[in-house]
Each structure stands twice: as structure tokens, then as C-alpha cells.
Amino acid sequence: MLPLFIILLIILTAAGVFFSRPPVLVVTDASFYQIYGSRRFTLALARNSLQLFRRVIPVPVSETAGPDILSLVVESAAETPYAVIFPRRYLEGARHYTVNRPQVPVFVMWGRGPLLPFAQYEGLIFVRTDTAADLFRAGLAAAVLTEQEYGVLFFTDGNLHEPYLEAFGQGLYAQGFSDDPIHLDSDLDHVSYSNIGCVVVAGAAVRFLERDLEIPVILFSWIDPILTPRSVRIVFDDSPLALISAALRAVPPDSYQIRVPSRATVISARTEARREFRELRGLISGNLQNK
């Protein structure tokens, strides 16, 4: 009985420490919940809680709430949280909160867009997606998914500048792909897909996705992979729930912004060859940098 008693004591002690630590609050709303998927949402909360060894608690807010009301809702969720995570669209609410709770670290998940002058937002920490690292990894994976003598098509939303596109090309070349990728605005449609071996979608690309072709797709999106066409093999997710753990661990002292790579997932059910699945998962895992 002694070993069982020791194990039980360890479990109870760990649980006590876990629930006694200040939680991380994540501001969310109905739209995000629907896009992300209920099961995926719950699993992401559990994964982040385990990784941080503290509770990660969602704080649902109304999408029409003003900054002051939003701040009050978050304040009522926990008196002294470890940190609070705000999506970019609730920037003003984050500013109100940090004025009222200056001792609490407040993170704004900014995504891929460039930062604006933020002198009036002192005290906030902006988490930006490490787009160069993401595209380098996407290039590595695209080279694996593309068969010989076929090309790679890259749909962009117009926000990816030349250094980021170069990072994608470097990923392709590092994996032995010698041809230049085809870059196309996501609002347009390619003339012919007969010579395309892989498509990377970093924008809406509605026309292409509606075609539901069998060409392997690498998708940059928050959407639940279950809702995507079966041709989507890899999803790069830079949503708040995907970046919480990495963001909290990456904060350097006295910094107002950090860069964190997306959480990339290979959809195993859509990758027939187990060897290819393991290779893809190995290439996209971790924070790989283009060098």
C-alpha cells in the first residue's frame, strides 16, 4: 500500500499546486469559438494548461462590447491572473485593462500585420507571428508534397513582403526543389492546375478552394481542419490558443514585442504514407529559421 499512497500523495500535491497558481486568462468570443471548433478549443485549453502547469481560462466577451465593459469583464474573471491574452481586435480593451491592472502582464496577439506606432499603448506586450520561420517551414513541406516535374503555387493576401517570400523559396531550395514558386494574389485564379504539385494558401483563395482539387494544400488559417477540403494536408495556426505557451515563455525582459512561429499540424488522416507523415512532421516541428 505504501507505493500507492506515495503516488496518490504526489498526484494530490501536484493538483494542489496546479489549481493554486494564478491562471492565464484568454479573451475570446463566439465567432472565434465557431471558427476554431468546440473540440479543438477544449483540447487547446487543456494542452496549454499542461504546458504552462497552470489553468488557462477562457473569458467570453460580447463582440459589440466597448473597451471599458470588456475590461470589467476580464477583471471580474480573476483578481490577480498570471497573464491576460487579448486578440488584436480587442486592442482598446487591452489598453483599458492594463491601466487598471498595471501589475498584470497583458499580451496582444497581433498576427502577421506590421506594428503601428504604439506610444499610447505602453505596458502591453505585442505577440507577432514569426512569418519568416513559418514560410521557411512551409517551403520545406511543399518541396516534399510536390512530385517531380510539378510546380508550387503560392496564394498570398498582399501582406507578405519580399523577405518573407524569399524565406519560402529558401525552404523549397533547402529541400532540393530547384524551380521558383508561382506567386498569385489570393483573389485571382490560376490558368491551369495540371502542372501544379502543391498549393500554399496564405489568403482567402476562395475560387481555388471551391474547386476541391486533389492537389496537396498547405493552409495558413485558424479554421478547424475538419472544415477544410481533404486536399489540405498541413495547417499553420497563429491563433491566440496556438501561441499562448510559446508567447509566455519567450518574453524577454523590458520588451514590448516578441515573435512566435505558428503551430503547424500535419493532418495524419489525409497523409497516406506514414513515412511522408513523419518526414513532414519533422520538418515543420520546432522554431526553424531560414539560414
C-alpha atoms as a PDB file:
ATOM      1  CA  MET A   1       0.000   0.000   0.000  1.00  0.00           C
ATOM      2  CA  LEU A   2       2.921   2.357   0.600  1.00  0.00           C
ATOM      3  CA  PRO A   3       3.784   2.879  -3.103  1.00  0.00           C
ATOM      4  CA  LEU A   4       0.121   3.592  -3.876  1.00  0.00           C
ATOM      5  CA  PHE A   5      -0.054   6.063  -1.005  1.00  0.00           C
ATOM      6  CA  ILE A   6       3.072   7.854  -2.277  1.00  0.00           C
ATOM      7  CA  ILE A   7       1.676   8.054  -5.820  1.00  0.00           C
ATOM      8  CA  LEU A   8      -1.638   9.388  -4.516  1.00  0.00           C
ATOM      9  CA  LEU A   9       0.177  11.964  -2.377  1.00  0.00           C
ATOM     10  CA  ILE A  10       2.227  13.139  -5.378  1.00  0.00           C
ATOM     11  CA  ILE A  11      -0.922  13.464  -7.500  1.00  0.00           C
ATOM     12  CA  LEU A  12      -2.787  15.417  -4.828  1.00  0.00           C
ATOM     13  CA  THR A  13       0.216  17.688  -4.237  1.00  0.00           C
ATOM     14  CA  ALA A  14       0.624  18.382  -7.952  1.00  0.00           C
ATOM     15  CA  ALA A  15      -3.112  19.076  -8.295  1.00  0.00           C
ATOM     16  CA  GLY A  16      -2.993  21.435  -5.342  1.00  0.00           C
ATOM     17  CA  VAL A  17      -0.073  23.364  -6.816  1.00  0.00           C
ATOM     18  CA  PHE A  18      -1.726  23.436 -10.257  1.00  0.00           C
ATOM     19  CA  PHE A  19      -5.010  24.910  -9.018  1.00  0.00           C
ATOM     20  CA  SER A  20      -3.357  27.301  -6.577  1.00  0.00           C
ATOM     21  CA  ARG A  21      -1.226  29.023  -9.219  1.00  0.00           C
ATOM     22  CA  PRO A  22      -2.606  32.222 -10.800  1.00  0.00           C
ATOM     23  CA  PRO A  23      -4.370  31.397 -14.074  1.00  0.00           C
ATOM     24  CA  VAL A  24      -3.860  32.708 -17.581  1.00  0.00           C
ATOM     25  CA  LEU A  25      -6.948  34.435 -18.975  1.00  0.00           C
ATOM     26  CA  VAL A  26      -7.728  34.298 -22.698  1.00  0.00           C
ATOM     27  CA  VAL A  27     -10.260  36.741 -24.114  1.00  0.00           C
ATOM     28  CA  THR A  28     -12.447  35.045 -26.698  1.00  0.00           C
ATOM     29  CA  ASP A  29     -15.830  35.399 -28.393  1.00  0.00           C
ATOM     30  CA  ALA A  30     -18.494  33.391 -30.202  1.00  0.00           C
ATOM     31  CA  SER A  31     -17.031  33.928 -33.682  1.00  0.00           C
ATOM     32  CA  PHE A  32     -13.648  32.501 -32.703  1.00  0.00           C
ATOM     33  CA  TYR A  33     -15.300  29.552 -30.945  1.00  0.00           C
ATOM     34  CA  GLN A  34     -17.270  28.666 -34.072  1.00  0.00           C
ATOM     35  CA  ILE A  35     -14.292  29.005 -36.419  1.00  0.00           C
ATOM     36  CA  TYR A  36     -11.878  27.126 -34.187  1.00  0.00           C
ATOM     37  CA  GLY A  37     -14.218  24.242 -33.378  1.00  0.00           C
ATOM     38  CA  SER A  38     -15.534  23.230 -29.941  1.00  0.00           C
ATOM     39  CA  ARG A  39     -13.460  20.062 -29.541  1.00  0.00           C
ATOM     40  CA  ARG A  40     -10.299  21.739 -30.794  1.00  0.00           C
ATOM     41  CA  PHE A  41     -10.962  24.685 -28.478  1.00  0.00           C
ATOM     42  CA  THR A  42     -11.229  22.410 -25.431  1.00  0.00           C
ATOM     43  CA  LEU A  43      -8.117  20.424 -26.369  1.00  0.00           C
ATOM     44  CA  ALA A  44      -6.119  23.640 -26.896  1.00  0.00           C
ATOM     45  CA  LEU A  45      -7.068  24.876 -23.431  1.00  0.00           C
ATOM     46  CA  ALA A  46      -6.005  21.560 -21.902  1.00  0.00           C
ATOM     47  CA  ARG A  47      -2.732  21.470 -23.855  1.00  0.00           C
ATOM     48  CA  ASN A  48      -1.759  24.989 -22.837  1.00  0.00           C
ATOM     49  CA  SER A  49      -2.733  24.345 -19.212  1.00  0.00           C
ATOM     50  CA  LEU A  50      -0.458  21.303 -19.079  1.00  0.00           C
ATOM     51  CA  GLN A  51       2.410  23.053 -20.829  1.00  0.00           C
ATOM     52  CA  LEU A  52       2.246  26.041 -18.503  1.00  0.00           C
ATOM     53  CA  PHE A  53       1.241  23.960 -15.467  1.00  0.00           C
ATOM     54  CA  ARG A  54      -1.461  26.443 -14.573  1.00  0.00           C
ATOM     55  CA  ARG A  55      -5.075  26.888 -15.597  1.00  0.00           C
ATOM     56  CA  VAL A  56      -5.790  28.612 -18.908  1.00  0.00           C
ATOM     57  CA  ILE A  57      -9.273  30.066 -18.571  1.00  0.00           C
ATOM     58  CA  PRO A  58     -11.313  31.454 -21.497  1.00  0.00           C
ATOM     59  CA  VAL A  59     -13.122  34.734 -20.877  1.00  0.00           C
ATOM     60  CA  PRO A  60     -16.070  35.021 -23.320  1.00  0.00           C
ATOM     61  CA  VAL A  61     -16.943  38.588 -24.259  1.00  0.00           C
ATOM     62  CA  SER A  62     -19.534  40.187 -26.476  1.00  0.00           C
ATOM     63  CA  GLU A  63     -18.147  41.246 -29.833  1.00  0.00           C
ATOM     64  CA  THR A  64     -20.043  44.522 -29.530  1.00  0.00           C
ATOM     65  CA  ALA A  65     -18.841  45.372 -26.019  1.00  0.00           C
ATOM     66  CA  GLY A  66     -16.964  48.630 -25.556  1.00  0.00           C
ATOM     67  CA  PRO A  67     -13.372  48.685 -24.235  1.00  0.00           C
ATOM     68  CA  ASP A  68     -14.424  49.694 -20.716  1.00  0.00           C
ATOM     69  CA  ILE A  69     -17.049  46.941 -20.422  1.00  0.00           C
ATOM     70  CA  LEU A  70     -14.642  44.409 -21.880  1.00  0.00           C
ATOM     71  CA  SER A  71     -12.011  45.383 -19.326  1.00  0.00           C
ATOM     72  CA  LEU A  72     -14.507  44.977 -16.476  1.00  0.00           C
ATOM     73  CA  VAL A  73     -15.479  41.500 -17.685  1.00  0.00           C
ATOM     74  CA  VAL A  74     -11.841  40.393 -17.713  1.00  0.00           C
ATOM     75  CA  GLU A  75     -11.179  41.951 -14.290  1.00  0.00           C
ATOM     76  CA  SER A  76     -14.101  40.012 -12.821  1.00  0.00           C
ATOM     77  CA  ALA A  77     -12.742  36.703 -14.163  1.00  0.00           C
ATOM     78  CA  ALA A  78      -9.717  36.690 -11.828  1.00  0.00           C
ATOM     79  CA  GLU A  79      -8.357  39.222  -9.350  1.00  0.00           C
ATOM     80  CA  THR A  80      -4.650  38.603  -9.970  1.00  0.00           C
ATOM     81  CA  PRO A  81      -4.104  36.438 -13.069  1.00  0.00           C
ATOM     82  CA  TYR A  82      -0.636  35.363 -14.184  1.00  0.00           C
ATOM     83  CA  ALA A  83      -1.254  37.000 -17.592  1.00  0.00           C
ATOM     84  CA  VAL A  84      -4.097  38.049 -19.863  1.00  0.00           C
ATOM     85  CA  ILE A  85      -4.225  37.320 -23.600  1.00  0.00           C
ATOM     86  CA  PHE A  86      -6.189  39.673 -25.870  1.00  0.00           C
ATOM     87  CA  PRO A  87      -6.826  39.155 -29.599  1.00  0.00           C
ATOM     88  CA  ARG A  88      -5.790  42.029 -31.829  1.00  0.00           C
ATOM     89  CA  ARG A  89      -9.356  43.211 -32.403  1.00  0.00           C
ATOM     90  CA  TYR A  90      -9.710  43.993 -28.683  1.00  0.00           C
ATOM     91  CA  LEU A  91      -6.652  46.245 -28.516  1.00  0.00           C
ATOM     92  CA  GLU A  92      -8.548  49.090 -26.838  1.00  0.00           C
ATOM     93  CA  GLY A  93      -9.940  46.712 -24.245  1.00  0.00           C
ATOM     94  CA  ALA A  94      -6.389  45.536 -23.517  1.00  0.00           C
ATOM     95  CA  ARG A  95      -5.289  49.144 -23.035  1.00  0.00           C
ATOM     96  CA  HIS A  96      -8.119  49.799 -20.587  1.00  0.00           C
ATOM     97  CA  TYR A  97      -7.286  46.641 -18.667  1.00  0.00           C
ATOM     98  CA  THR A  98      -3.576  47.370 -18.331  1.00  0.00           C
ATOM     99  CA  VAL A  99      -4.349  50.865 -16.997  1.00  0.00           C
ATOM    100  CA  ASN A 100      -6.493  49.304 -14.263  1.00  0.00           C
ATOM    101  CA  ARG A 101      -4.187  46.317 -13.646  1.00  0.00           C
ATOM    102  CA  PRO A 102      -0.635  47.556 -14.423  1.00  0.00           C
ATOM    103  CA  GLN A 103       0.919  44.699 -12.424  1.00  0.00           C
ATOM    104  CA  VAL A 104      -0.565  42.019 -14.729  1.00  0.00           C
ATOM    105  CA  PRO A 105       1.301  41.166 -17.982  1.00  0.00           C
ATOM    106  CA  VAL A 106      -1.057  41.813 -20.896  1.00  0.00           C
ATOM    107  CA  PHE A 107      -0.392  40.252 -24.304  1.00  0.00           C
ATOM    108  CA  VAL A 108      -1.995  41.347 -27.569  1.00  0.00           C
ATOM    109  CA  MET A 109      -1.874  38.659 -30.256  1.00  0.00           C
ATOM    110  CA  TRP A 110      -1.091  40.850 -33.259  1.00  0.00           C
ATOM    111  CA  GLY A 111      -0.684  38.257 -36.006  1.00  0.00           C
ATOM    112  CA  ARG A 112       1.180  38.854 -39.278  1.00  0.00           C
ATOM    113  CA  GLY A 113       0.467  42.524 -39.818  1.00  0.00           C
ATOM    114  CA  PRO A 114       3.089  45.234 -39.229  1.00  0.00           C
ATOM    115  CA  LEU A 115       3.058  47.085 -35.936  1.00  0.00           C
ATOM    116  CA  LEU A 116       1.746  50.628 -35.858  1.00  0.00           C
ATOM    117  CA  PRO A 117       3.091  53.441 -33.633  1.00  0.00           C
ATOM    118  CA  PHE A 118       2.040  52.318 -30.168  1.00  0.00           C
ATOM    119  CA  ALA A 119       3.290  55.040 -27.836  1.00  0.00           C
ATOM    120  CA  GLN A 120      -0.177  55.245 -26.289  1.00  0.00           C
ATOM    121  CA  TYR A 121      -0.204  51.516 -25.548  1.00  0.00           C
ATOM    122  CA  GLU A 122       2.676  51.436 -23.104  1.00  0.00           C
ATOM    123  CA  GLY A 123       2.618  48.378 -20.875  1.00  0.00           C
ATOM    124  CA  LEU A 124       1.239  45.986 -23.489  1.00  0.00           C
ATOM    125  CA  ILE A 125       3.272  43.146 -24.992  1.00  0.00           C
ATOM    126  CA  PHE A 126       2.566  42.557 -28.682  1.00  0.00           C
ATOM    127  CA  VAL A 127       2.941  38.995 -29.942  1.00  0.00           C
ATOM    128  CA  ARG A 128       3.700  38.934 -33.664  1.00  0.00           C
ATOM    129  CA  THR A 129       3.721  35.844 -35.847  1.00  0.00           C
ATOM    130  CA  ASP A 130       7.207  34.823 -36.966  1.00  0.00           C
ATOM    131  CA  THR A 131       6.219  34.804 -40.627  1.00  0.00           C
ATOM    132  CA  ALA A 132       9.743  34.155 -41.936  1.00  0.00           C
ATOM    133  CA  ALA A 133      10.081  30.991 -39.842  1.00  0.00           C
ATOM    134  CA  ASP A 134       6.588  29.862 -40.868  1.00  0.00           C
ATOM    135  CA  LEU A 135       7.202  30.309 -44.581  1.00  0.00           C
ATOM    136  CA  PHE A 136      10.581  28.625 -44.414  1.00  0.00           C
ATOM    137  CA  ARG A 137       8.924  25.576 -42.850  1.00  0.00           C
ATOM    138  CA  ALA A 138       6.101  25.760 -45.395  1.00  0.00           C
ATOM    139  CA  GLY A 139       8.702  25.739 -48.171  1.00  0.00           C
ATOM    140  CA  LEU A 140      10.346  22.624 -46.712  1.00  0.00           C
ATOM    141  CA  ALA A 141       6.993  20.849 -46.573  1.00  0.00           C
ATOM    142  CA  ALA A 142       5.868  21.991 -50.026  1.00  0.00           C
ATOM    143  CA  ALA A 143       9.013  20.518 -51.570  1.00  0.00           C
ATOM    144  CA  VAL A 144       8.139  17.136 -50.031  1.00  0.00           C
ATOM    145  CA  LEU A 145       4.493  17.262 -51.149  1.00  0.00           C
ATOM    146  CA  THR A 146       5.337  18.271 -54.730  1.00  0.00           C
ATOM    147  CA  GLU A 147       6.080  15.494 -57.182  1.00  0.00           C
ATOM    148  CA  GLN A 148       8.933  15.842 -59.633  1.00  0.00           C
ATOM    149  CA  GLU A 149       8.342  17.996 -62.720  1.00  0.00           C
ATOM    150  CA  TYR A 150       5.478  19.830 -60.989  1.00  0.00           C
ATOM    151  CA  GLY A 151       5.432  23.382 -59.701  1.00  0.00           C
ATOM    152  CA  VAL A 152       4.427  25.095 -56.468  1.00  0.00           C
ATOM    153  CA  LEU A 153       1.710  27.751 -56.423  1.00  0.00           C
ATOM    154  CA  PHE A 154       1.593  30.279 -53.584  1.00  0.00           C
ATOM    155  CA  PHE A 155      -1.586  32.317 -52.980  1.00  0.00           C
ATOM    156  CA  THR A 156      -0.829  35.446 -50.937  1.00  0.00           C
ATOM    157  CA  ASP A 157      -3.058  38.118 -49.412  1.00  0.00           C
ATOM    158  CA  GLY A 158      -0.795  41.012 -50.392  1.00  0.00           C
ATOM    159  CA  ASN A 159       0.695  41.450 -46.908  1.00  0.00           C
ATOM    160  CA  LEU A 160       3.719  39.221 -47.475  1.00  0.00           C
ATOM    161  CA  HIS A 161       6.720  41.335 -48.399  1.00  0.00           C
ATOM    162  CA  GLU A 162       9.714  40.182 -50.430  1.00  0.00           C
ATOM    163  CA  PRO A 163      11.862  38.943 -47.477  1.00  0.00           C
ATOM    164  CA  TYR A 164       9.035  36.599 -46.443  1.00  0.00           C
ATOM    165  CA  LEU A 165       8.606  35.249 -49.968  1.00  0.00           C
ATOM    166  CA  GLU A 166      12.362  34.717 -50.095  1.00  0.00           C
ATOM    167  CA  ALA A 167      12.145  32.698 -46.867  1.00  0.00           C
ATOM    168  CA  PHE A 168       9.596  30.419 -48.549  1.00  0.00           C
ATOM    169  CA  GLY A 169      11.880  29.968 -51.554  1.00  0.00           C
ATOM    170  CA  GLN A 170      14.816  29.165 -49.293  1.00  0.00           C
ATOM    171  CA  GLY A 171      12.751  26.443 -47.656  1.00  0.00           C
ATOM    172  CA  LEU A 172      11.990  24.936 -51.057  1.00  0.00           C
ATOM    173  CA  TYR A 173      15.618  25.041 -52.140  1.00  0.00           C
ATOM    174  CA  ALA A 174      16.849  23.613 -48.834  1.00  0.00           C
ATOM    175  CA  GLN A 175      14.727  20.543 -49.532  1.00  0.00           C
ATOM    176  CA  GLY A 176      16.051  20.143 -53.068  1.00  0.00           C
ATOM    177  CA  PHE A 177      13.324  21.939 -55.056  1.00  0.00           C
ATOM    178  CA  SER A 178      15.061  23.962 -57.767  1.00  0.00           C
ATOM    179  CA  ASP A 179      12.239  25.824 -59.582  1.00  0.00           C
ATOM    180  CA  ASP A 180      10.868  29.194 -58.491  1.00  0.00           C
ATOM    181  CA  PRO A 181       7.368  29.118 -56.986  1.00  0.00           C
ATOM    182  CA  ILE A 182       4.472  30.885 -58.695  1.00  0.00           C
ATOM    183  CA  HIS A 183       3.095  33.761 -56.615  1.00  0.00           C
ATOM    184  CA  LEU A 184      -0.518  34.774 -57.182  1.00  0.00           C
ATOM    185  CA  ASP A 185      -2.896  37.143 -55.406  1.00  0.00           C
ATOM    186  CA  SER A 186      -5.485  35.171 -53.434  1.00  0.00           C
ATOM    187  CA  ASP A 187      -8.364  36.975 -55.196  1.00  0.00           C
ATOM    188  CA  LEU A 188      -7.256  35.579 -58.551  1.00  0.00           C
ATOM    189  CA  ASP A 189      -7.398  32.106 -60.083  1.00  0.00           C
ATOM    190  CA  HIS A 190      -4.608  30.234 -61.822  1.00  0.00           C
ATOM    191  CA  VAL A 191      -4.971  29.470 -65.537  1.00  0.00           C
ATOM    192  CA  SER A 192      -4.320  25.745 -65.189  1.00  0.00           C
ATOM    193  CA  TYR A 193      -3.549  23.438 -62.269  1.00  0.00           C
ATOM    194  CA  SER A 194      -2.409  20.484 -64.370  1.00  0.00           C
ATOM    195  CA  ASN A 195       1.259  21.262 -63.724  1.00  0.00           C
ATOM    196  CA  ILE A 196       0.907  22.224 -60.036  1.00  0.00           C
ATOM    197  CA  GLY A 197       2.089  19.734 -57.419  1.00  0.00           C
ATOM    198  CA  CYS A 198       1.370  21.727 -54.238  1.00  0.00           C
ATOM    199  CA  VAL A 199      -0.552  24.875 -53.345  1.00  0.00           C
ATOM    200  CA  VAL A 200       0.199  27.138 -50.384  1.00  0.00           C
ATOM    201  CA  VAL A 201      -2.740  29.308 -49.297  1.00  0.00           C
ATOM    202  CA  ALA A 202      -1.901  32.366 -47.171  1.00  0.00           C
ATOM    203  CA  GLY A 203      -5.040  34.299 -48.092  1.00  0.00           C
ATOM    204  CA  ALA A 204      -8.705  33.678 -48.837  1.00  0.00           C
ATOM    205  CA  ALA A 205      -8.204  31.942 -52.231  1.00  0.00           C
ATOM    206  CA  VAL A 206     -11.928  31.130 -52.306  1.00  0.00           C
ATOM    207  CA  ARG A 207     -12.011  30.293 -56.011  1.00  0.00           C
ATOM    208  CA  PHE A 208      -9.237  27.745 -55.689  1.00  0.00           C
ATOM    209  CA  LEU A 209     -10.606  26.084 -52.559  1.00  0.00           C
ATOM    210  CA  GLU A 210     -14.058  25.793 -54.106  1.00  0.00           C
ATOM    211  CA  ARG A 211     -12.550  23.711 -56.899  1.00  0.00           C
ATOM    212  CA  ASP A 212     -11.781  20.995 -54.321  1.00  0.00           C
ATOM    213  CA  LEU A 213      -8.896  19.596 -56.378  1.00  0.00           C
ATOM    214  CA  GLU A 214      -6.716  16.712 -55.239  1.00  0.00           C
ATOM    215  CA  ILE A 215      -3.566  18.840 -55.165  1.00  0.00           C
ATOM    216  CA  PRO A 216      -1.927  18.856 -51.694  1.00  0.00           C
ATOM    217  CA  VAL A 217      -2.571  22.153 -49.897  1.00  0.00           C
ATOM    218  CA  ILE A 218      -0.707  23.931 -47.095  1.00  0.00           C
ATOM    219  CA  LEU A 219      -3.152  26.301 -45.418  1.00  0.00           C
ATOM    220  CA  PHE A 220      -2.483  29.300 -43.152  1.00  0.00           C
ATOM    221  CA  SER A 221      -5.687  29.628 -41.155  1.00  0.00           C
ATOM    222  CA  TRP A 222      -7.366  29.471 -37.733  1.00  0.00           C
ATOM    223  CA  ILE A 223     -10.229  27.376 -39.068  1.00  0.00           C
ATOM    224  CA  ASP A 224     -10.868  23.885 -37.712  1.00  0.00           C
ATOM    225  CA  PRO A 225      -9.081  21.482 -40.116  1.00  0.00           C
ATOM    226  CA  ILE A 226     -12.197  19.269 -40.087  1.00  0.00           C
ATOM    227  CA  LEU A 227     -13.989  22.012 -42.036  1.00  0.00           C
ATOM    228  CA  THR A 228     -11.315  22.234 -44.736  1.00  0.00           C
ATOM    229  CA  PRO A 229     -11.189  20.278 -48.034  1.00  0.00           C
ATOM    230  CA  ARG A 230      -9.497  16.889 -47.848  1.00  0.00           C
ATOM    231  CA  SER A 231      -6.693  18.210 -50.019  1.00  0.00           C
ATOM    232  CA  VAL A 232      -5.440  20.302 -47.079  1.00  0.00           C
ATOM    233  CA  ARG A 233      -2.521  18.371 -45.602  1.00  0.00           C
ATOM    234  CA  ILE A 234      -0.906  20.937 -43.280  1.00  0.00           C
ATOM    235  CA  VAL A 235      -2.402  23.830 -41.323  1.00  0.00           C
ATOM    236  CA  PHE A 236      -0.361  26.717 -39.890  1.00  0.00           C
ATOM    237  CA  ASP A 237      -2.291  28.196 -36.965  1.00  0.00           C
ATOM    238  CA  ASP A 238      -1.228  31.503 -35.363  1.00  0.00           C
ATOM    239  CA  SER A 239      -4.374  31.998 -33.285  1.00  0.00           C
ATOM    240  CA  PRO A 240      -4.114  33.060 -29.624  1.00  0.00           C
ATOM    241  CA  LEU A 241      -4.737  29.499 -28.407  1.00  0.00           C
ATOM    242  CA  ALA A 242      -1.941  28.221 -30.649  1.00  0.00           C
ATOM    243  CA  LEU A 243       0.674  30.700 -29.404  1.00  0.00           C
ATOM    244  CA  ILE A 244      -0.083  31.164 -25.693  1.00  0.00           C
ATOM    245  CA  SER A 245       2.548  28.809 -24.266  1.00  0.00           C
ATOM    246  CA  ALA A 246       5.322  29.905 -26.611  1.00  0.00           C
ATOM    247  CA  ALA A 247       4.494  33.578 -26.062  1.00  0.00           C
ATOM    248  CA  LEU A 248       4.601  33.346 -22.278  1.00  0.00           C
ATOM    249  CA  ARG A 249       7.923  31.511 -22.393  1.00  0.00           C
ATOM    250  CA  ALA A 250       9.517  33.820 -24.964  1.00  0.00           C
ATOM    251  CA  VAL A 251       9.058  37.188 -23.292  1.00  0.00           C
ATOM    252  CA  PRO A 252      12.445  38.878 -22.830  1.00  0.00           C
ATOM    253  CA  PRO A 253      12.869  41.500 -20.091  1.00  0.00           C
ATOM    254  CA  ASP A 254      11.739  45.051 -20.910  1.00  0.00           C
ATOM    255  CA  SER A 255      10.402  44.168 -24.355  1.00  0.00           C
ATOM    256  CA  TYR A 256       7.114  45.358 -25.853  1.00  0.00           C
ATOM    257  CA  GLN A 257       7.021  42.838 -28.709  1.00  0.00           C
ATOM    258  CA  ILE A 258       8.030  39.265 -29.429  1.00  0.00           C
ATOM    259  CA  ARG A 259       7.830  36.953 -32.420  1.00  0.00           C
ATOM    260  CA  VAL A 260       6.438  33.442 -32.167  1.00  0.00           C
ATOM    261  CA  PRO A 261       6.091  30.888 -35.003  1.00  0.00           C
ATOM    262  CA  SER A 262       2.719  29.354 -35.793  1.00  0.00           C
ATOM    263  CA  ARG A 263       1.659  25.964 -34.545  1.00  0.00           C
ATOM    264  CA  ALA A 264       1.836  23.739 -37.623  1.00  0.00           C
ATOM    265  CA  THR A 265      -0.108  20.482 -37.810  1.00  0.00           C
ATOM    266  CA  VAL A 266       0.115  17.660 -40.331  1.00  0.00           C
ATOM    267  CA  ILE A 267      -3.316  16.042 -40.766  1.00  0.00           C
ATOM    268  CA  SER A 268      -2.456  12.364 -40.421  1.00  0.00           C
ATOM    269  CA  ALA A 269      -5.790  11.099 -41.788  1.00  0.00           C
ATOM    270  CA  ARG A 270      -5.047  12.811 -45.109  1.00  0.00           C
ATOM    271  CA  THR A 271      -1.455  11.615 -45.438  1.00  0.00           C
ATOM    272  CA  GLU A 272      -1.458   8.048 -46.677  1.00  0.00           C
ATOM    273  CA  ALA A 273       2.260   7.253 -46.459  1.00  0.00           C
ATOM    274  CA  ARG A 274       3.413   7.035 -42.845  1.00  0.00           C
ATOM    275  CA  ARG A 275       6.973   7.792 -43.879  1.00  0.00           C
ATOM    276  CA  GLU A 276       5.860  11.022 -45.560  1.00  0.00           C
ATOM    277  CA  PHE A 277       3.818  11.938 -42.481  1.00  0.00           C
ATOM    278  CA  ARG A 278       6.829  11.518 -40.195  1.00  0.00           C
ATOM    279  CA  GLU A 279       9.043  13.486 -42.574  1.00  0.00           C
ATOM    280  CA  LEU A 280       6.572  16.362 -42.798  1.00  0.00           C
ATOM    281  CA  ARG A 281       6.029  16.448 -39.064  1.00  0.00           C
ATOM    282  CA  GLY A 282       9.776  16.549 -38.501  1.00  0.00           C
ATOM    283  CA  LEU A 283      10.262  19.390 -40.979  1.00  0.00           C
ATOM    284  CA  ILE A 284       7.573  21.656 -39.568  1.00  0.00           C
ATOM    285  CA  SER A 285       8.161  20.983 -35.869  1.00  0.00           C
ATOM    286  CA  GLY A 286      10.024  23.462 -33.722  1.00  0.00           C
ATOM    287  CA  ASN A 287      11.087  27.029 -34.447  1.00  0.00           C
ATOM    288  CA  LEU A 288      13.121  26.513 -37.607  1.00  0.00           C
ATOM    289  CA  GLN A 289      14.760  29.607 -39.017  1.00  0.00           C
ATOM    290  CA  ASN A 290      15.786  30.169 -42.616  1.00  0.00           C
ATOM    291  CA  LYS A 291      19.562  30.423 -42.807  1.00  0.00           C
END
